[in-house]
Amino acid sequence: MTRSPATPLPPPKARRRLREGAALTQTQLASRVNVTRATIRAWESGRTAPRGRKREAYARLLKTLAEEDAARSTRSTPPPEPAPAPAPAPAPAPAPEPTPVIEPVSGPASDTASDPVSGPEEGSEPEPGSGLEPESGSEPEPVPEPAPEHPVLTPAQAFDALYEFSAPALVRQAYLLTGRRELARESVERAFQTAWERWPEVARDRDPVGWVRAAAYEFALSPWQRFRPRHRQPEPPPADPGDRTLLNALLRLGPQHRRTLVLYDGVGLDLPETAAETEASTPAAANRLLHARETVAGRLPALADSRVLHQRLTELASAERLWAAKPTGVRKGGERRTRFRTRAAIAFTVALIGATALTVRTAPTHYEPAVSPGVAVRGVPPRVAPGSLSEAERELRQKLRDRLQDGPERLEPRLE
């Protein structure tokens, strides 16, 4: 069985240009295709591609937008002016005096009108005798409009813009994951500080908000948070009883199930995107989502519908007074932390080098055998002191003393 070829689609940038040309938001376009806003954002950024019936509906809508854009551009193009009637030849005039040629100088845009290469300004009439009048029968060439120049942002300005755009929503999402206001704010700040440390990588990412969101979720759901003394004390629960019940139901879920539910029903990501962000397969993410929904619906039956659950999650996150620090303070805090870590690493390296040098300086230069431990000797008779001599021993001693000590006379050989 052969599969039919997929419906062709314009490039992602062209999709976004068509939507903006029709003055449609991502939410309005998503309602027409019957998908979520996050899905449209993923399609326009090129991270995912539509498939099946959604692809066909999206392709038909883009084709309609392209036809409307072509019709608008056709209506906005002015019709060509009729050629003027030929005028009688004027009497020959005296030759004009030669004018000095002025070299073009780089300056403001108003100086370009006197440049003989660029010609007069748009909308100004040509002077008589300048040789710039349109010839009879020739149509005026359309002047292309200059493309709008986007201001070039510095890395700090781009980081501040990203923080101001996504930090409040990320703090509310982290609150749904942890149930702690201070931990949610700290998680988002740490994630943005990590993003500032690795800003070249984050700036080139196709979804910088997703990059920061993954880092914030990892920090918020870290098992080491339970060992911090400041997070052992419980925080005051929400004032509304329904919000307290929903928050308790969320906190009873496992970390991965809770994260999957917040990403899919809270943020609005698709199932493949949720699986990719939670580092799981699509079937595993689907099972986690179904289990999380069943658990929440068991305590709150009114939230069995996914739309009602999405609305209640949004209300719960918006009801709390959550705030985010200024982007400048977050960026400077990350820089201070980086300097502290760098100095600590330098100090540790210096201490390690010093300890190694001291060890090399005081280490022995030759081998010294170790002294074996002593061993007790057994089986030797004890030493006994001499006692008094008997009569026979005294006589023998006297006899030995009376004898000559030098022994008998020495014999010498003689010649006879």
Protein backbone atom coordinates (compact mmCIF):
# COMPACT_ATOMS: atom_id res chain seq x y z
CA MET A 1 0.00 0.00 0.00
CA THR A 2 1.54 3.29 -1.11
CA ARG A 3 1.07 6.51 0.81
CA SER A 4 -0.17 9.62 -0.97
CA PRO A 5 2.34 12.46 -1.19
CA ALA A 6 2.01 15.13 1.47
CA THR A 7 0.40 18.44 0.58
CA PRO A 8 3.13 20.99 -0.21
CA LEU A 9 3.51 23.92 2.16
CA PRO A 10 5.41 27.21 1.87
CA PRO A 11 8.51 27.71 4.01
CA PRO A 12 8.00 28.60 7.70
CA LYS A 13 8.95 32.26 7.17
CA ALA A 14 6.47 32.54 4.32
CA ARG A 15 3.72 31.09 6.53
CA ARG A 16 4.32 33.72 9.14
CA ARG A 17 4.46 36.48 6.52
CA LEU A 18 1.11 35.39 5.07
CA ARG A 19 -0.51 35.38 8.51
CA GLU A 20 0.85 38.81 9.38
CA GLY A 21 -0.15 40.14 5.95
CA ALA A 22 -3.73 39.10 6.68
CA ALA A 23 -3.57 40.81 10.12
CA LEU A 24 -4.26 37.54 11.93
CA THR A 25 -2.88 36.49 15.28
CA GLN A 26 -1.66 33.00 16.03
CA THR A 27 -4.74 32.40 18.18
CA GLN A 28 -7.11 33.40 15.39
CA LEU A 29 -5.29 31.23 12.87
CA ALA A 30 -5.28 28.32 15.33
CA SER A 31 -9.07 28.58 15.77
CA ARG A 32 -9.51 28.33 11.99
CA VAL A 33 -7.38 25.18 11.73
CA ASN A 34 -8.81 23.79 15.01
CA VAL A 35 -5.42 23.51 16.75
CA THR A 36 -3.73 25.30 19.63
CA ARG A 37 -1.72 28.50 19.46
CA ALA A 38 1.45 26.62 20.44
CA THR A 39 0.98 24.35 17.42
CA ILE A 40 0.83 27.33 15.06
CA ARG A 41 3.93 28.77 16.69
CA ALA A 42 5.77 25.47 16.21
CA TRP A 43 4.68 25.26 12.55
CA GLU A 44 5.82 28.82 11.82
CA SER A 45 9.17 28.30 13.55
CA GLY A 46 9.82 25.04 11.67
CA ARG A 47 10.20 22.88 14.79
CA THR A 48 7.32 20.63 13.75
CA ALA A 49 5.37 20.02 10.55
CA PRO A 50 1.62 19.37 10.23
CA ARG A 51 0.43 15.99 9.08
CA GLY A 52 -2.76 14.41 7.85
CA ARG A 53 -5.96 16.40 7.75
CA LYS A 54 -4.50 19.27 9.70
CA ARG A 55 -1.82 19.66 7.02
CA GLU A 56 -4.44 19.81 4.27
CA ALA A 57 -6.55 22.35 6.18
CA TYR A 58 -3.47 24.45 6.94
CA ALA A 59 -2.36 24.32 3.28
CA ARG A 60 -5.83 25.41 2.06
CA LEU A 61 -5.87 28.30 4.53
CA LEU A 62 -2.39 29.43 3.49
CA LYS A 63 -3.41 29.25 -0.17
CA THR A 64 -6.42 31.45 0.57
CA LEU A 65 -4.24 33.94 2.43
CA ALA A 66 -1.76 33.99 -0.47
CA GLU A 67 -4.56 34.70 -2.97
CA GLU A 68 -5.88 37.50 -0.78
CA ASP A 69 -2.36 38.92 -0.46
CA ALA A 70 -1.93 38.82 -4.25
CA ALA A 71 -5.32 40.54 -4.72
CA ARG A 72 -4.39 43.28 -2.25
CA SER A 73 -1.05 43.88 -3.95
CA THR A 74 -2.83 44.08 -7.34
CA ARG A 75 -5.33 46.63 -6.04
CA SER A 76 -2.60 48.69 -4.41
CA THR A 77 -0.53 48.95 -7.64
CA PRO A 78 -1.51 52.23 -9.47
CA PRO A 79 -2.53 51.92 -13.17
CA PRO A 80 -0.01 53.16 -15.73
CA GLU A 81 -0.48 56.81 -16.70
CA PRO A 82 -1.39 57.53 -20.34
CA ALA A 83 1.43 58.71 -22.56
CA PRO A 84 1.41 62.52 -23.01
CA ALA A 85 0.71 63.94 -26.46
CA PRO A 86 3.80 65.01 -28.40
CA ALA A 87 4.41 68.74 -27.97
CA PRO A 88 5.66 71.01 -30.79
CA ALA A 89 9.39 71.28 -31.02
CA PRO A 90 10.54 74.42 -29.14
CA ALA A 91 12.87 77.00 -30.61
CA PRO A 92 16.54 76.23 -30.15
CA ALA A 93 17.78 77.72 -26.91
CA PRO A 94 21.33 78.86 -26.20
CA ALA A 95 23.60 76.19 -24.78
CA PRO A 96 23.62 76.23 -20.98
CA GLU A 97 26.80 76.98 -19.14
CA PRO A 98 28.59 73.87 -17.85
CA THR A 99 27.96 73.24 -14.19
CA PRO A 100 30.68 71.87 -11.95
CA VAL A 101 30.32 68.19 -10.99
CA ILE A 102 29.97 67.70 -7.24
CA GLU A 103 31.21 64.44 -5.78
CA PRO A 104 28.61 62.72 -3.58
CA VAL A 105 29.43 63.00 0.11
CA SER A 106 28.15 60.55 2.68
CA GLY A 107 25.70 62.42 4.84
CA PRO A 108 22.00 62.60 5.68
CA ALA A 109 19.37 61.24 3.34
CA SER A 110 18.38 64.73 2.16
CA ASP A 111 21.75 65.19 0.41
CA THR A 112 21.09 62.34 -2.00
CA ALA A 113 18.75 64.53 -4.05
CA SER A 114 21.72 66.41 -5.53
CA ASP A 115 23.60 63.23 -6.43
CA PRO A 116 23.57 62.87 -10.23
CA VAL A 117 23.60 59.05 -9.90
CA SER A 118 20.67 58.59 -7.56
CA GLY A 119 18.49 61.23 -9.26
CA PRO A 120 15.88 63.46 -7.65
CA GLU A 121 13.85 62.52 -4.60
CA GLU A 122 10.72 60.42 -4.94
CA GLY A 123 7.66 62.57 -5.60
CA SER A 124 9.62 65.68 -6.80
CA GLU A 125 9.12 66.97 -10.33
CA PRO A 126 12.14 66.99 -12.65
CA GLU A 127 13.57 70.37 -13.53
CA PRO A 128 13.17 71.51 -17.12
CA GLY A 129 16.19 70.92 -19.27
CA SER A 130 17.74 68.45 -16.86
CA GLY A 131 17.28 65.52 -19.21
CA LEU A 132 15.16 63.55 -16.69
CA GLU A 133 11.74 64.04 -18.30
CA PRO A 134 10.02 60.80 -19.27
CA GLU A 135 10.09 60.12 -22.95
CA SER A 136 6.86 59.92 -24.86
CA GLY A 137 5.38 56.44 -24.82
CA SER A 138 7.54 55.19 -21.94
CA GLU A 139 5.97 54.03 -18.69
CA PRO A 140 7.38 55.20 -15.35
CA GLU A 141 9.33 52.49 -13.62
CA PRO A 142 8.08 51.62 -10.13
CA VAL A 143 10.44 52.65 -7.40
CA PRO A 144 10.99 49.74 -4.95
CA GLU A 145 10.20 50.64 -1.39
CA PRO A 146 13.09 50.23 1.03
CA ALA A 147 12.78 47.23 3.30
CA PRO A 148 12.14 48.13 6.94
CA GLU A 149 15.33 47.94 8.90
CA HIS A 150 15.09 45.99 12.13
CA PRO A 151 17.06 47.54 14.96
CA VAL A 152 20.10 45.51 15.91
CA LEU A 153 19.87 44.56 19.58
CA THR A 154 22.81 44.00 21.82
CA PRO A 155 22.98 40.68 23.71
CA ALA A 156 21.86 42.41 26.92
CA GLN A 157 18.88 44.04 25.20
CA ALA A 158 17.85 40.75 23.56
CA PHE A 159 18.10 38.95 26.91
CA ASP A 160 16.03 41.63 28.65
CA ALA A 161 13.36 41.42 25.94
CA LEU A 162 13.18 37.63 26.25
CA TYR A 163 12.96 37.87 30.05
CA GLU A 164 10.21 40.48 30.06
CA PHE A 165 8.25 38.46 27.49
CA SER A 166 8.36 35.02 29.11
CA ALA A 167 9.36 35.35 32.78
CA PRO A 168 5.88 36.06 34.27
CA ALA A 169 4.30 33.08 32.51
CA LEU A 170 7.19 30.79 33.48
CA VAL A 171 6.85 31.79 37.15
CA ARG A 172 3.17 30.83 37.09
CA GLN A 173 3.98 27.50 35.45
CA ALA A 174 6.68 26.76 38.02
CA TYR A 175 4.18 27.54 40.78
CA LEU A 176 1.86 24.85 39.39
CA LEU A 177 4.78 22.39 39.50
CA THR A 178 5.99 23.15 43.02
CA GLY A 179 3.18 24.91 44.90
CA ARG A 180 5.78 27.35 46.29
CA ARG A 181 5.93 30.96 45.26
CA GLU A 182 9.53 31.65 46.24
CA LEU A 183 10.82 28.43 44.67
CA ALA A 184 8.97 29.22 41.43
CA ARG A 185 10.56 32.65 41.21
CA GLU A 186 14.02 31.31 42.09
CA SER A 187 13.73 28.53 39.50
CA VAL A 188 12.96 30.97 36.71
CA GLU A 189 15.76 33.31 37.76
CA ARG A 190 18.29 30.47 37.86
CA ALA A 191 17.15 29.29 34.43
CA PHE A 192 17.59 32.76 32.94
CA GLN A 193 20.98 33.13 34.62
CA THR A 194 22.05 29.87 33.01
CA ALA A 195 20.70 31.15 29.70
CA TRP A 196 22.74 34.35 30.06
CA GLU A 197 25.89 32.31 30.75
CA ARG A 198 25.23 30.33 27.54
CA TRP A 199 23.61 33.15 25.60
CA PRO A 200 25.19 32.44 22.18
CA GLU A 201 23.67 28.96 22.28
CA VAL A 202 20.28 30.18 23.53
CA ALA A 203 20.11 33.06 21.04
CA ARG A 204 20.59 30.67 18.10
CA ASP A 205 18.02 28.19 19.43
CA ARG A 206 14.78 27.89 17.46
CA ASP A 207 12.73 28.20 20.68
CA PRO A 208 14.58 30.21 23.36
CA VAL A 209 11.52 30.21 25.61
CA GLY A 210 11.40 26.42 25.48
CA TRP A 211 15.10 26.26 26.35
CA VAL A 212 14.59 28.42 29.44
CA ARG A 213 11.37 26.60 30.37
CA ALA A 214 13.13 23.22 30.37
CA ALA A 215 15.91 24.58 32.60
CA ALA A 216 13.40 26.15 35.01
CA TYR A 217 11.40 22.92 35.28
CA GLU A 218 14.55 20.89 35.94
CA PHE A 219 15.58 23.21 38.78
CA ALA A 220 12.08 23.38 40.27
CA LEU A 221 11.59 19.58 40.28
CA SER A 222 15.11 18.75 41.47
CA PRO A 223 15.02 16.20 44.34
CA TRP A 224 17.70 18.19 46.16
CA GLN A 225 15.19 20.96 46.89
CA ARG A 226 13.71 18.95 49.75
CA PHE A 227 16.99 19.14 51.70
CA ARG A 228 17.08 22.94 51.73
CA PRO A 229 16.06 24.34 55.14
CA ARG A 230 14.16 27.28 53.67
CA HIS A 231 11.87 24.96 51.69
CA ARG A 232 11.01 22.62 54.55
CA GLN A 233 8.52 25.05 56.03
CA PRO A 234 5.08 24.95 54.30
CA GLU A 235 3.81 28.06 52.55
CA PRO A 236 0.29 29.43 53.05
CA PRO A 237 -2.14 27.69 50.66
CA PRO A 238 -4.42 29.53 48.23
CA ALA A 239 -7.41 31.32 49.73
CA ASP A 240 -10.01 29.68 47.49
CA PRO A 241 -10.99 26.13 48.58
CA GLY A 242 -11.27 24.97 44.97
CA ASP A 243 -7.77 26.24 44.21
CA ARG A 244 -6.42 24.47 47.29
CA THR A 245 -8.01 21.20 46.22
CA LEU A 246 -6.65 21.50 42.68
CA LEU A 247 -3.16 22.39 43.90
CA ASN A 248 -3.13 19.45 46.32
CA ALA A 249 -4.23 17.15 43.50
CA LEU A 250 -1.38 18.40 41.33
CA LEU A 251 1.19 17.98 44.10
CA ARG A 252 0.04 14.39 44.71
CA LEU A 253 1.17 13.49 41.19
CA GLY A 254 4.67 12.33 40.44
CA PRO A 255 7.12 14.94 39.11
CA GLN A 256 7.06 13.63 35.54
CA HIS A 257 3.27 13.22 35.47
CA ARG A 258 2.83 16.72 36.89
CA ARG A 259 5.23 18.18 34.35
CA THR A 260 3.49 16.42 31.46
CA LEU A 261 0.07 17.66 32.59
CA VAL A 262 1.26 21.26 32.94
CA LEU A 263 2.98 21.24 29.55
CA TYR A 264 0.06 19.70 27.65
CA ASP A 265 -3.04 21.07 29.40
CA GLY A 266 -1.47 24.19 30.92
CA VAL A 267 1.01 25.51 28.36
CA GLY A 268 -0.75 23.95 25.37
CA LEU A 269 2.08 22.01 23.72
CA ASP A 270 1.44 19.12 21.38
CA LEU A 271 2.04 15.55 22.52
CA PRO A 272 5.31 15.11 20.53
CA GLU A 273 6.65 18.42 21.87
CA THR A 274 5.67 17.44 25.41
CA ALA A 275 7.38 14.09 25.01
CA ALA A 276 10.53 15.74 23.66
CA GLU A 277 10.69 18.25 26.51
CA THR A 278 10.15 15.59 29.17
CA GLU A 279 12.71 13.30 27.47
CA ALA A 280 10.23 10.49 26.96
CA SER A 281 8.67 8.67 24.05
CA THR A 282 5.31 9.78 22.71
CA PRO A 283 3.44 6.69 24.04
CA ALA A 284 5.03 7.17 27.47
CA ALA A 285 4.03 10.83 27.51
CA ALA A 286 0.47 9.88 26.50
CA ASN A 287 0.24 7.33 29.32
CA ARG A 288 1.54 9.86 31.84
CA LEU A 289 -1.01 12.42 30.65
CA LEU A 290 -3.91 9.98 30.90
CA HIS A 291 -2.83 8.86 34.37
CA ALA A 292 -2.48 12.47 35.56
CA ARG A 293 -5.92 13.38 34.18
CA GLU A 294 -7.52 10.37 35.85
CA THR A 295 -5.93 11.26 39.19
CA VAL A 296 -7.07 14.89 39.03
CA ALA A 297 -10.56 13.92 37.84
CA GLY A 298 -10.82 11.42 40.70
CA ARG A 299 -10.59 14.26 43.21
CA LEU A 300 -12.32 16.88 41.05
CA PRO A 301 -14.80 15.21 38.68
CA ALA A 302 -15.67 18.56 37.10
CA LEU A 303 -12.15 18.67 35.58
CA ALA A 304 -12.60 15.55 33.47
CA ASP A 305 -12.90 17.79 30.40
CA SER A 306 -9.49 18.96 29.13
CA ARG A 307 -10.82 22.45 28.29
CA VAL A 308 -12.17 22.97 31.79
CA LEU A 309 -8.89 21.66 33.23
CA HIS A 310 -6.91 24.13 31.09
CA GLN A 311 -9.11 27.00 32.27
CA ARG A 312 -8.81 26.00 35.94
CA LEU A 313 -5.02 25.69 35.69
CA THR A 314 -4.87 29.17 34.17
CA GLU A 315 -7.10 30.58 36.90
CA LEU A 316 -5.06 28.91 39.65
CA ALA A 317 -1.78 30.29 38.32
CA SER A 318 -3.24 33.76 37.77
CA ALA A 319 -4.93 34.01 41.17
CA GLU A 320 -1.65 34.07 43.10
CA ARG A 321 0.43 37.18 43.50
CA LEU A 322 3.54 36.03 41.73
CA TRP A 323 6.24 38.46 40.71
CA ALA A 324 9.50 38.31 38.82
CA ALA A 325 12.64 40.34 39.39
CA LYS A 326 13.92 42.92 36.94
CA PRO A 327 15.93 41.55 34.01
CA THR A 328 18.90 43.74 34.91
CA GLY A 329 19.03 42.30 38.42
CA VAL A 330 18.79 38.74 37.13
CA ARG A 331 21.54 39.32 34.59
CA LYS A 332 23.84 40.95 37.16
CA GLY A 333 23.08 38.19 39.68
CA GLY A 334 24.14 35.59 37.13
CA GLU A 335 27.33 37.51 36.42
CA ARG A 336 28.12 37.70 40.15
CA ARG A 337 27.54 33.97 40.51
CA THR A 338 29.80 33.30 37.55
CA ARG A 339 32.57 35.48 39.02
CA PHE A 340 32.23 33.72 42.37
CA ARG A 341 32.49 30.31 40.76
CA THR A 342 35.47 31.38 38.70
CA ARG A 343 37.29 32.74 41.74
CA ALA A 344 36.45 29.63 43.76
CA ALA A 345 37.81 27.43 40.98
CA ILE A 346 40.99 29.51 40.79
CA ALA A 347 41.45 29.35 44.58
CA PHE A 348 40.92 25.59 44.59
CA THR A 349 43.41 25.16 41.76
CA VAL A 350 46.01 27.27 43.56
CA ALA A 351 45.49 25.30 46.78
CA LEU A 352 45.84 22.04 44.90
CA ILE A 353 49.05 23.20 43.23
CA GLY A 354 50.45 24.36 46.57
CA ALA A 355 49.64 21.06 48.27
CA THR A 356 51.25 19.16 45.41
CA ALA A 357 54.39 21.29 45.57
CA LEU A 358 54.65 20.86 49.34
CA THR A 359 54.27 17.10 49.00
CA VAL A 360 56.97 16.94 46.36
CA ARG A 361 59.28 19.13 48.49
CA THR A 362 58.92 17.11 51.70
CA ALA A 363 58.71 13.62 50.20
CA PRO A 364 61.74 11.28 50.90
CA THR A 365 64.18 10.85 48.04
CA HIS A 366 65.21 7.22 48.84
CA TYR A 367 63.58 4.12 50.11
CA GLU A 368 63.61 3.57 53.86
CA PRO A 369 62.60 0.05 54.87
CA ALA A 370 60.08 -0.13 57.58
CA VAL A 371 61.16 -1.45 61.01
CA SER A 372 59.59 -4.84 61.63
CA PRO A 373 57.66 -5.12 64.85
CA GLY A 374 59.23 -6.97 67.77
CA VAL A 375 58.48 -10.67 68.44
CA ALA A 376 58.54 -12.27 71.86
CA VAL A 377 61.11 -15.17 72.20
CA ARG A 378 59.82 -18.17 74.06
CA GLY A 379 61.52 -21.40 75.40
CA VAL A 380 64.66 -19.74 76.93
CA PRO A 381 65.39 -20.85 80.55
CA PRO A 382 65.44 -18.07 83.04
CA ARG A 383 68.82 -16.77 84.21
CA VAL A 384 69.76 -17.98 87.74
CA ALA A 385 72.20 -16.15 90.01
CA PRO A 386 75.15 -18.21 91.48
CA GLY A 387 74.79 -19.46 95.07
CA SER A 388 77.36 -20.33 97.82
CA LEU A 389 80.21 -22.77 96.95
CA SER A 390 80.54 -26.17 98.51
CA GLU A 391 83.71 -27.46 100.22
CA ALA A 392 84.86 -29.37 97.14
CA GLU A 393 84.32 -26.31 94.94
CA ARG A 394 86.41 -24.19 97.31
CA GLU A 395 89.29 -26.68 97.21
CA LEU A 396 89.19 -26.77 93.44
CA ARG A 397 89.23 -23.01 93.26
CA GLN A 398 92.20 -22.79 95.59
CA LYS A 399 94.03 -25.43 93.62
CA LEU A 400 93.52 -23.49 90.40
CA ARG A 401 94.75 -20.30 91.97
CA ASP A 402 97.89 -21.89 93.35
CA ARG A 403 99.03 -23.18 90.00
CA LEU A 404 101.10 -21.10 87.70
CA GLN A 405 99.01 -18.88 85.61
CA ASP A 406 101.46 -19.00 82.70
CA GLY A 407 101.39 -22.77 82.56
CA PRO A 408 104.50 -24.99 82.24
CA GLU A 409 107.80 -23.65 80.96
CA ARG A 410 108.10 -23.19 77.28
CA LEU A 411 110.17 -25.76 75.39
CA GLU A 412 112.68 -24.34 73.02
CA PRO A 413 114.56 -26.34 70.39
CA ARG A 414 118.34 -26.63 70.80
CA LEU A 415 121.11 -27.76 68.47
CA GLU A 416 123.20 -30.66 69.66
